[in-house]
Amino acid sequence: MKTEYRTEHDLLGDRQIPAEVYYGVHTLRALENFPVTGTNISIYPDLIRALAQIKQAAARANQELGLLDDKRADAIVAACKEIQAGKLHDQFVVDVIQGGAGTSTNMNANEVVANRALEILGHRRGDYHELHPNEHVNMGQSTNDVYPTALKLATYVGIFRLVEAMAYLRRAFERKAEEFRDVLKMGRTQLQDAVPMTLGQEFSTYAVMLGEDEERLKEAALLIREINLGATAIGTGINAHPDYTALVCRLLAEVSGVPVITSPNLVEATQDCGSFVQLSGVLKRVAVKLSKTCNDLRLLSSGPRAGLGEINLPPRQAGSSIMPGKVNPVIPEVVNQIAFEVIGNDMTVTFAAEAGQLQLNAFEPIIAHSLFKSVTHLRQGCTILADHCVEGITANRERLRAIVENSIGVVTALNPYIGYAHATEVAQAALSSGRSVYELVLEMKLMTKKELDGVLQPEVLTRPHPLPKQHAGA
């Protein structure tokens, strides 16, 4: 079939636009200029919804201020509501990485909203003399306040989705901590035997680490909700009504459900990316601690016979094309890789924020892309780790108990009962003979079996408890 076109004009001249698309000439230029990743901005639906929420709030604000007539305002709002409901996202086609400080993204939104609003009014796409992308949809706005505001709305929503996923994973670890509360094992420092603990205590630390970072993310969200909408070009509010800034902020909070507040200094807010740096740093913190947890899970499950073999991860797939029966810790491995990506994204955000000059940071598109990837992938990683790994972990209880009884480190727990000199003698004998501390203590008649078994209990070995009087304070 023959493709039909419409003609649109910009400062560089006329261009033919496919008649069926909702975007216009500015978006077309961006498609030609930025064939970078092959991934368009619609991959981030929260960003598209945020752009539509901003355009809706701006239309209503300008309508209330008497700057935009009811007919056009209602059509713009209707188009924006459709986009928020998930329609026309395929028309947001500019690349996630682009020059121009996000201008191409803003213009893509202006054109899609304008052309859908024209249809609602009974006009053809491209009839901009009836309703214009810049003059009406973008009224009182600039890319320099729209784009960072949209980024903040989208990341705010993403933060709390991530917090929910982290809480989901935390609860999975808490259940395992309860299940393993009586499973005695050896703790390790620097990969060397330390003192006894329970497997439940070990798993509870993973839950606590997640809980701490849930709170840090909520703190970062408080900074993210401060916006510069109304700043227009550089923060002076040029071409906006004096009452527009406060009004559009209130309306945007109503439309989006995000408790946004206007920055006290719009010039500063337009050029400063500090809140994005702060958030990225917290995401890196989450990634680092999550990766450490996955390192532990891989190490504790190593084997099944030549490694630690203390726990079993649920088998997810065959692990080798050449070694029959091999099963790998693929779920912790994929979460490790997500963490590596997030750490790299943080470096990208750092450089991009530092590279801003004077009254604007031109590199917010790569900040947006980096933050969205980090938030999204961490969220998915937490859910995958909970469902496909943590929930199915089992403990090798007999092996763990045998390791404790055979470990030299257990003499530390016996020190208050048999004294430091005898404890040292037992440790040396165990090292030289290869025999267990348990059997040597009995053979040397330092404790009875009942006394020794009484000490080698989780409630004695793994938490503070009253010491025997004859050795207390020794």
Protein backbone atom coordinates (compact mmCIF):
# COMPACT_ATOMS: atom_id res chain seq x y z
CA MET A 1 0.00 0.00 0.00
CA LYS A 2 1.12 3.52 -0.77
CA THR A 3 2.10 5.51 2.31
CA GLU A 4 0.34 8.83 2.74
CA TYR A 5 2.17 11.85 4.15
CA ARG A 6 1.46 15.23 5.65
CA THR A 7 3.81 18.21 5.46
CA GLU A 8 5.15 19.83 8.64
CA HIS A 9 7.50 22.78 9.00
CA ASP A 10 10.21 23.73 11.48
CA LEU A 11 13.09 26.21 11.46
CA LEU A 12 15.10 23.91 9.17
CA GLY A 13 12.35 23.64 6.56
CA ASP A 14 9.54 21.33 5.44
CA ARG A 15 9.43 17.58 6.03
CA GLN A 16 7.08 14.82 5.00
CA ILE A 17 5.60 13.00 7.99
CA PRO A 18 3.74 9.67 7.63
CA ALA A 19 0.08 10.62 7.93
CA GLU A 20 -0.75 7.82 10.39
CA VAL A 21 1.73 8.81 13.12
CA TYR A 22 0.95 11.15 15.99
CA TYR A 23 4.44 12.60 16.32
CA GLY A 24 5.67 15.45 14.13
CA VAL A 25 8.66 17.09 12.52
CA HIS A 26 10.67 17.66 15.70
CA THR A 27 10.38 13.99 16.62
CA LEU A 28 11.32 13.00 13.09
CA ARG A 29 14.51 15.08 13.31
CA ALA A 30 15.38 13.35 16.59
CA LEU A 31 14.83 9.92 15.03
CA GLU A 32 17.32 10.84 12.33
CA ASN A 33 19.82 12.49 14.66
CA PHE A 34 19.97 9.96 17.51
CA PRO A 35 20.00 6.36 16.25
CA VAL A 36 22.00 5.39 19.34
CA THR A 37 20.59 2.48 21.34
CA GLY A 38 17.67 1.33 19.25
CA THR A 39 15.58 1.67 22.42
CA ASN A 40 12.96 4.40 22.50
CA ILE A 41 11.60 6.24 25.52
CA SER A 42 8.38 4.21 25.55
CA ILE A 43 10.37 1.44 27.26
CA TYR A 44 9.80 3.55 30.40
CA PRO A 45 5.99 3.88 30.67
CA ASP A 46 6.29 5.77 33.97
CA LEU A 47 8.14 8.52 32.09
CA ILE A 48 5.48 8.70 29.38
CA ARG A 49 2.71 8.89 31.98
CA ALA A 50 4.65 11.59 33.85
CA LEU A 51 4.97 13.69 30.69
CA ALA A 52 1.21 13.38 30.10
CA GLN A 53 0.49 14.33 33.72
CA ILE A 54 2.61 17.47 33.36
CA LYS A 55 0.92 18.49 30.10
CA GLN A 56 -2.49 17.92 31.70
CA ALA A 57 -1.64 19.97 34.80
CA ALA A 58 -0.17 22.76 32.65
CA ALA A 59 -3.27 22.90 30.45
CA ARG A 60 -5.55 23.16 33.45
CA ALA A 61 -3.35 25.82 35.08
CA ASN A 62 -3.26 27.94 31.94
CA GLN A 63 -7.02 27.46 31.56
CA GLU A 64 -7.68 28.66 35.12
CA LEU A 65 -5.41 31.65 34.50
CA GLY A 66 -7.39 32.58 31.38
CA LEU A 67 -4.53 31.92 28.99
CA LEU A 68 -5.90 28.80 27.30
CA ASP A 69 -9.50 28.53 26.10
CA ASP A 70 -11.75 25.78 27.44
CA LYS A 71 -12.10 23.99 24.11
CA ARG A 72 -8.37 23.49 23.58
CA ALA A 73 -7.68 22.83 27.27
CA ASP A 74 -10.32 20.11 27.46
CA ALA A 75 -8.97 18.42 24.31
CA ILE A 76 -5.41 18.48 25.65
CA VAL A 77 -6.55 17.06 28.98
CA ALA A 78 -8.52 14.31 27.25
CA ALA A 79 -5.48 13.34 25.15
CA CYS A 80 -3.28 13.31 28.25
CA LYS A 81 -5.69 11.06 30.12
CA GLU A 82 -5.62 8.58 27.25
CA ILE A 83 -1.81 8.49 27.36
CA GLN A 84 -1.86 7.97 31.11
CA ALA A 85 -4.21 5.05 30.51
CA GLY A 86 -1.58 3.44 28.27
CA LYS A 87 -2.67 4.58 24.83
CA LEU A 88 -0.30 5.97 22.16
CA HIS A 89 2.85 4.94 24.03
CA ASP A 90 4.12 3.46 20.77
CA GLN A 91 4.25 7.01 19.40
CA PHE A 92 6.97 8.02 21.87
CA VAL A 93 9.79 6.96 19.60
CA VAL A 94 12.86 9.10 20.29
CA ASP A 95 15.95 7.29 21.55
CA VAL A 96 16.56 7.11 25.30
CA ILE A 97 19.96 8.72 24.72
CA GLN A 98 19.72 12.05 22.92
CA GLY A 99 21.34 15.45 22.73
CA GLY A 100 19.48 18.63 23.59
CA ALA A 101 18.84 18.15 27.32
CA GLY A 102 15.65 16.19 26.64
CA THR A 103 14.13 18.61 24.12
CA SER A 104 13.37 15.76 21.74
CA THR A 105 11.45 13.92 24.46
CA ASN A 106 9.46 17.02 25.38
CA MET A 107 8.66 17.76 21.73
CA ASN A 108 7.69 14.14 21.13
CA ALA A 109 5.17 14.54 23.98
CA ASN A 110 3.95 17.93 22.73
CA GLU A 111 3.36 16.59 19.22
CA VAL A 112 1.59 13.39 20.27
CA VAL A 113 -0.68 15.26 22.68
CA ALA A 114 -1.38 17.98 20.10
CA ASN A 115 -2.26 15.60 17.29
CA ARG A 116 -4.50 13.44 19.47
CA ALA A 117 -6.19 16.60 20.81
CA LEU A 118 -6.73 17.77 17.22
CA GLU A 119 -8.50 14.50 16.46
CA ILE A 120 -10.67 14.93 19.55
CA LEU A 121 -11.61 18.39 18.25
CA GLY A 122 -12.49 16.92 14.86
CA HIS A 123 -9.40 18.11 12.98
CA ARG A 124 -6.69 16.29 11.09
CA ARG A 125 -3.27 15.55 12.55
CA GLY A 126 -0.90 18.35 11.66
CA ASP A 127 -3.56 21.11 11.62
CA TYR A 128 -1.49 23.09 14.07
CA HIS A 129 -3.23 26.39 13.32
CA GLU A 130 -6.11 24.91 15.33
CA LEU A 131 -3.98 23.61 18.22
CA HIS A 132 -0.21 23.89 18.26
CA PRO A 133 2.35 21.64 20.06
CA ASN A 134 4.42 24.61 21.24
CA GLU A 135 1.93 27.42 21.64
CA HIS A 136 -0.81 25.43 23.38
CA VAL A 137 0.45 22.08 24.68
CA ASN A 138 3.79 23.56 25.80
CA MET A 139 2.31 26.85 27.08
CA GLY A 140 4.21 28.22 30.08
CA GLN A 141 6.78 25.45 29.84
CA SER A 142 10.28 24.65 28.69
CA THR A 143 12.04 21.35 28.25
CA ASN A 144 14.26 22.56 31.07
CA ASP A 145 11.48 22.33 33.64
CA VAL A 146 9.27 19.67 32.01
CA TYR A 147 11.95 17.03 31.49
CA PRO A 148 13.48 17.00 35.01
CA THR A 149 10.01 17.16 36.54
CA ALA A 150 8.90 14.15 34.48
CA LEU A 151 12.07 12.32 35.48
CA LYS A 152 11.34 13.00 39.15
CA LEU A 153 7.72 11.89 38.92
CA ALA A 154 8.74 8.66 37.21
CA THR A 155 11.59 7.88 39.59
CA TYR A 156 9.42 8.66 42.62
CA VAL A 157 6.93 6.02 41.51
CA GLY A 158 9.77 3.63 40.69
CA ILE A 159 11.39 4.09 44.10
CA PHE A 160 8.33 2.86 45.95
CA ARG A 161 7.88 -0.07 43.58
CA LEU A 162 11.47 -1.00 44.36
CA VAL A 163 10.83 -0.61 48.10
CA GLU A 164 7.91 -3.03 47.77
CA ALA A 165 10.11 -5.57 45.98
CA MET A 166 12.82 -5.22 48.60
CA ALA A 167 10.25 -5.75 51.36
CA TYR A 168 9.04 -8.85 49.53
CA LEU A 169 12.59 -10.23 49.46
CA ARG A 170 13.17 -9.18 53.07
CA ARG A 171 10.15 -11.14 54.21
CA ALA A 172 11.43 -14.20 52.35
CA PHE A 173 14.72 -13.96 54.26
CA GLU A 174 12.83 -13.44 57.52
CA ARG A 175 10.86 -16.63 56.96
CA LYS A 176 14.08 -18.54 56.33
CA ALA A 177 15.65 -16.99 59.42
CA GLU A 178 12.75 -18.34 61.48
CA GLU A 179 12.95 -21.74 59.78
CA PHE A 180 16.68 -21.99 60.49
CA ARG A 181 16.64 -20.45 63.98
CA ASP A 182 17.84 -23.69 65.65
CA VAL A 183 20.34 -24.78 62.99
CA LEU A 184 23.81 -24.50 64.50
CA LYS A 185 26.76 -23.70 62.24
CA MET A 186 30.19 -22.09 62.28
CA GLY A 187 30.53 -18.42 61.58
CA ARG A 188 33.50 -17.30 59.53
CA THR A 189 35.68 -14.23 59.40
CA GLN A 190 38.13 -13.77 56.53
CA LEU A 191 36.94 -17.20 55.30
CA GLN A 192 38.42 -18.79 58.44
CA ASP A 193 36.50 -20.57 61.20
CA ALA A 194 35.32 -18.09 63.82
CA VAL A 195 32.70 -18.97 66.44
CA PRO A 196 29.34 -20.73 66.28
CA MET A 197 26.12 -19.04 65.21
CA THR A 198 22.80 -20.21 63.83
CA LEU A 199 21.87 -20.29 60.19
CA GLY A 200 18.84 -18.27 61.25
CA GLN A 201 21.09 -15.50 62.52
CA GLU A 202 22.99 -15.54 59.24
CA PHE A 203 19.80 -15.21 57.19
CA SER A 204 18.35 -12.56 59.49
CA THR A 205 21.27 -10.26 58.63
CA TYR A 206 20.23 -10.32 54.98
CA ALA A 207 16.73 -9.26 55.98
CA VAL A 208 18.05 -6.46 58.20
CA MET A 209 20.31 -5.14 55.43
CA LEU A 210 17.34 -4.89 53.08
CA GLY A 211 15.21 -3.19 55.71
CA GLU A 212 17.84 -0.53 56.30
CA ASP A 213 17.99 0.28 52.61
CA GLU A 214 14.22 0.45 52.29
CA GLU A 215 14.42 3.40 54.69
CA ARG A 216 17.31 5.01 52.80
CA LEU A 217 15.29 4.88 49.58
CA LYS A 218 12.33 6.54 51.26
CA GLU A 219 14.65 9.31 52.41
CA ALA A 220 15.93 9.77 48.86
CA ALA A 221 12.34 10.06 47.64
CA LEU A 222 11.87 13.16 49.80
CA LEU A 223 14.47 14.97 47.69
CA ILE A 224 13.08 13.65 44.41
CA ARG A 225 9.66 15.21 44.99
CA GLU A 226 11.09 18.76 44.82
CA ILE A 227 10.46 20.03 41.27
CA ASN A 228 11.27 23.07 39.14
CA LEU A 229 8.08 23.18 37.04
CA GLY A 230 7.40 26.86 36.33
CA ALA A 231 11.09 27.64 35.98
CA THR A 232 10.75 27.58 32.18
CA ALA A 233 14.10 28.17 30.46
CA ILE A 234 16.61 28.81 33.24
CA GLY A 235 14.58 29.32 36.40
CA THR A 236 13.40 32.91 35.95
CA GLY A 237 9.90 31.84 34.87
CA ILE A 238 10.00 33.79 31.62
CA ASN A 239 6.78 33.42 29.53
CA ALA A 240 4.84 31.98 32.46
CA HIS A 241 2.04 33.72 34.39
CA PRO A 242 3.09 34.98 37.87
CA ASP A 243 0.61 32.59 39.51
CA TYR A 244 1.39 29.66 37.24
CA THR A 245 4.18 27.99 39.25
CA ALA A 246 2.23 27.49 42.46
CA LEU A 247 -0.95 26.52 40.62
CA VAL A 248 0.64 23.97 38.28
CA CYS A 249 2.46 22.32 41.20
CA ARG A 250 -0.80 21.88 43.09
CA LEU A 251 -2.58 20.52 40.03
CA LEU A 252 0.31 18.17 39.20
CA ALA A 253 0.18 16.73 42.71
CA GLU A 254 -3.53 16.08 42.25
CA VAL A 255 -3.11 14.49 38.81
CA SER A 256 -0.08 12.33 39.64
CA GLY A 257 -0.68 11.45 43.26
CA VAL A 258 2.95 12.40 43.97
CA PRO A 259 3.33 15.00 46.77
CA VAL A 260 5.50 17.33 44.70
CA ILE A 261 6.67 20.66 46.06
CA THR A 262 8.18 23.61 44.22
CA SER A 263 11.86 24.24 44.80
CA PRO A 264 12.52 27.46 46.75
CA ASN A 265 15.05 28.56 44.13
CA LEU A 266 14.12 27.65 40.57
CA VAL A 267 17.39 28.86 39.05
CA GLU A 268 19.31 26.50 41.32
CA ALA A 269 16.84 23.68 40.77
CA THR A 270 17.11 23.95 36.98
CA GLN A 271 20.85 23.40 36.93
CA ASP A 272 21.41 21.14 39.95
CA CYS A 273 21.18 17.33 39.64
CA GLY A 274 22.07 16.65 43.26
CA SER A 275 18.88 14.74 44.04
CA PHE A 276 19.60 12.36 41.17
CA VAL A 277 23.15 11.83 42.44
CA GLN A 278 21.79 11.15 45.93
CA LEU A 279 19.27 8.62 44.64
CA SER A 280 21.84 6.91 42.43
CA GLY A 281 24.16 6.59 45.41
CA VAL A 282 21.44 4.89 47.45
CA LEU A 283 20.69 2.55 44.54
CA LYS A 284 24.39 1.69 44.44
CA ARG A 285 24.27 0.98 48.18
CA VAL A 286 21.33 -1.38 47.65
CA ALA A 287 23.16 -3.09 44.80
CA VAL A 288 26.39 -3.54 46.74
CA LYS A 289 24.67 -5.11 49.75
CA LEU A 290 22.42 -7.27 47.60
CA SER A 291 25.43 -8.50 45.66
CA LYS A 292 27.26 -9.32 48.90
CA THR A 293 24.26 -11.39 49.97
CA CYS A 294 24.32 -13.27 46.67
CA ASN A 295 28.05 -13.88 47.06
CA ASP A 296 27.29 -15.50 50.41
CA LEU A 297 24.52 -17.67 48.98
CA ARG A 298 26.82 -18.91 46.22
CA LEU A 299 29.62 -19.64 48.67
CA LEU A 300 27.44 -21.35 51.28
CA SER A 301 25.88 -23.56 48.61
CA SER A 302 29.18 -24.37 46.86
CA GLY A 303 29.79 -28.03 46.18
CA PRO A 304 27.84 -30.18 46.41
CA ARG A 305 30.78 -32.21 47.74
CA ALA A 306 33.94 -30.22 47.19
CA GLY A 307 32.64 -26.91 48.57
CA LEU A 308 31.06 -25.66 51.78
CA GLY A 309 27.76 -27.35 51.01
CA GLU A 310 25.98 -25.84 54.00
CA ILE A 311 22.80 -24.91 52.18
CA ASN A 312 21.09 -26.03 49.00
CA LEU A 313 19.73 -23.57 46.47
CA PRO A 314 16.73 -24.77 44.48
CA PRO A 315 17.89 -26.14 41.10
CA ARG A 316 16.63 -23.94 38.26
CA GLN A 317 18.27 -25.39 35.15
CA ALA A 318 21.02 -27.68 33.90
CA GLY A 319 24.35 -26.06 34.58
CA SER A 320 26.62 -27.35 31.88
CA SER A 321 26.66 -28.49 28.28
CA ILE A 322 29.53 -30.89 29.04
CA MET A 323 29.31 -31.85 32.74
CA PRO A 324 26.25 -34.05 33.40
CA GLY A 325 24.37 -33.35 36.61
CA LYS A 326 25.97 -29.97 37.26
CA VAL A 327 23.64 -27.29 38.64
CA ASN A 328 24.79 -23.68 39.00
CA PRO A 329 23.61 -20.87 41.31
CA VAL A 330 22.13 -18.98 38.35
CA ILE A 331 19.71 -16.80 40.30
CA PRO A 332 22.31 -15.24 42.62
CA GLU A 333 24.58 -14.89 39.56
CA VAL A 334 22.04 -12.85 37.64
CA VAL A 335 21.42 -10.60 40.65
CA ASN A 336 25.18 -10.10 40.96
CA GLN A 337 25.20 -8.89 37.37
CA ILE A 338 22.33 -6.50 38.01
CA ALA A 339 24.36 -5.08 40.88
CA PHE A 340 27.40 -4.60 38.66
CA GLU A 341 25.22 -2.70 36.18
CA VAL A 342 23.78 -0.45 38.90
CA ILE A 343 27.26 0.39 40.19
CA GLY A 344 28.25 1.35 36.64
CA ASN A 345 25.06 3.39 36.23
CA ASP A 346 25.97 5.33 39.35
CA MET A 347 29.28 6.29 37.79
CA THR A 348 27.43 7.46 34.67
CA VAL A 349 25.05 9.59 36.75
CA THR A 350 28.00 11.05 38.63
CA PHE A 351 29.82 12.12 35.47
CA ALA A 352 26.63 13.44 33.86
CA ALA A 353 25.71 15.53 36.89
CA GLU A 354 29.24 16.93 37.13
CA ALA A 355 29.28 17.83 33.42
CA GLY A 356 26.43 20.35 33.66
CA GLN A 357 27.41 23.91 32.87
CA LEU A 358 26.01 27.20 34.09
CA GLN A 359 22.18 27.31 34.13
CA LEU A 360 21.38 23.87 32.70
CA ASN A 361 22.55 20.28 32.69
CA ALA A 362 22.33 18.99 29.12
CA PHE A 363 22.98 15.38 30.14
CA GLU A 364 19.79 14.50 31.99
CA PRO A 365 18.72 11.97 29.32
CA ILE A 366 21.58 9.64 30.27
CA ILE A 367 20.81 10.28 33.95
CA ALA A 368 17.21 9.27 33.29
CA HIS A 369 18.19 6.15 31.36
CA SER A 370 20.66 5.12 34.07
CA LEU A 371 18.28 5.66 36.98
CA PHE A 372 15.36 3.92 35.28
CA LYS A 373 17.51 0.90 34.48
CA SER A 374 18.82 0.71 38.03
CA VAL A 375 15.40 1.01 39.67
CA THR A 376 13.72 -1.40 37.27
CA HIS A 377 16.41 -4.07 37.25
CA LEU A 378 16.90 -3.99 41.02
CA ARG A 379 13.15 -4.42 41.47
CA GLN A 380 13.07 -7.38 39.13
CA GLY A 381 16.19 -8.84 40.75
CA CYS A 382 14.65 -8.73 44.23
CA THR A 383 11.51 -10.50 43.07
CA ILE A 384 13.44 -13.13 41.12
CA LEU A 385 15.78 -13.80 44.04
CA ALA A 386 12.86 -14.22 46.45
CA ASP A 387 10.71 -16.45 44.24
CA HIS A 388 13.33 -18.52 42.44
CA CYS A 389 15.96 -18.86 45.14
CA VAL A 390 15.37 -17.84 48.75
CA GLU A 391 11.97 -19.49 49.14
CA GLY A 392 13.42 -22.86 48.17
CA ILE A 393 16.67 -22.85 50.18
CA THR A 394 17.20 -25.84 52.46
CA ALA A 395 19.83 -26.47 55.12
CA ASN A 396 22.21 -29.43 55.34
CA ARG A 397 21.65 -29.71 59.09
CA GLU A 398 23.78 -32.77 59.85
CA ARG A 399 26.73 -31.39 57.91
CA LEU A 400 26.46 -28.04 59.69
CA ARG A 401 26.38 -29.73 63.10
CA ALA A 402 29.36 -31.94 62.22
CA ILE A 403 31.37 -28.92 61.12
CA VAL A 404 30.68 -27.21 64.46
CA GLU A 405 31.73 -30.25 66.45
CA ASN A 406 34.86 -30.69 64.34
CA SER A 407 35.81 -27.03 64.26
CA ILE A 408 38.74 -25.63 66.21
CA GLY A 409 36.72 -22.44 66.60
CA VAL A 410 34.33 -24.10 69.02
CA VAL A 411 37.01 -24.04 71.73
CA THR A 412 36.34 -20.30 72.10
CA ALA A 413 32.90 -21.21 73.42
CA LEU A 414 34.42 -23.78 75.81
CA ASN A 415 37.01 -21.37 77.19
CA PRO A 416 34.79 -20.15 80.08
CA TYR A 417 34.14 -23.76 81.09
CA ILE A 418 37.57 -25.41 80.82
CA GLY A 419 39.88 -22.41 81.05
CA TYR A 420 42.19 -20.79 78.53
CA ALA A 421 45.12 -23.19 79.09
CA HIS A 422 43.03 -26.32 78.59
CA ALA A 423 41.25 -24.73 75.63
CA THR A 424 44.60 -24.02 74.00
CA GLU A 425 45.74 -27.61 74.66
CA VAL A 426 42.56 -28.98 73.06
CA ALA A 427 42.92 -26.71 70.04
CA GLN A 428 46.53 -27.76 69.46
CA ALA A 429 45.66 -31.44 69.82
CA ALA A 430 42.77 -31.12 67.41
CA LEU A 431 44.97 -29.38 64.84
CA SER A 432 47.77 -31.90 65.07
CA SER A 433 45.62 -35.02 65.17
CA GLY A 434 42.72 -34.05 62.95
CA ARG A 435 40.33 -35.22 65.64
CA SER A 436 37.32 -33.18 66.75
CA VAL A 437 37.27 -30.80 69.70
CA TYR A 438 34.19 -32.64 70.94
CA GLU A 439 35.86 -36.02 71.31
CA LEU A 440 39.11 -34.59 72.71
CA VAL A 441 37.29 -32.69 75.48
CA LEU A 442 35.55 -35.91 76.47
CA GLU A 443 38.73 -37.99 76.24
CA MET A 444 40.65 -35.50 78.39
CA LYS A 445 37.75 -35.57 80.87
CA LEU A 446 37.50 -31.80 80.86
CA MET A 447 33.70 -31.98 80.68
CA THR A 448 31.09 -34.70 80.84
CA LYS A 449 29.08 -35.52 77.74
CA LYS A 450 26.01 -33.99 79.34
CA GLU A 451 27.90 -30.80 80.18
CA LEU A 452 29.43 -30.59 76.70
CA ASP A 453 26.14 -31.21 74.95
CA GLY A 454 24.57 -28.58 77.18
CA VAL A 455 27.11 -26.00 76.05
CA LEU A 456 26.90 -26.93 72.38
CA GLN A 457 23.35 -25.65 72.07
CA PRO A 458 22.30 -22.71 69.91
CA GLU A 459 20.97 -20.74 72.88
CA VAL A 460 24.36 -21.02 74.63
CA LEU A 461 26.73 -20.73 71.66
CA THR A 462 25.04 -17.97 69.74
CA ARG A 463 24.11 -15.29 72.27
CA PRO A 464 25.28 -13.86 75.60
CA HIS A 465 24.56 -16.12 78.57
CA PRO A 466 25.65 -16.46 82.24
CA LEU A 467 29.17 -17.86 82.62
CA PRO A 468 30.31 -20.49 85.15
CA LYS A 469 31.33 -18.74 88.35
CA GLN A 470 34.78 -20.26 88.56
CA HIS A 471 35.71 -18.78 85.16
CA ALA A 472 33.55 -15.68 85.00
CA GLY A 473 35.69 -12.65 84.25
CA ALA A 474 38.73 -14.80 83.61
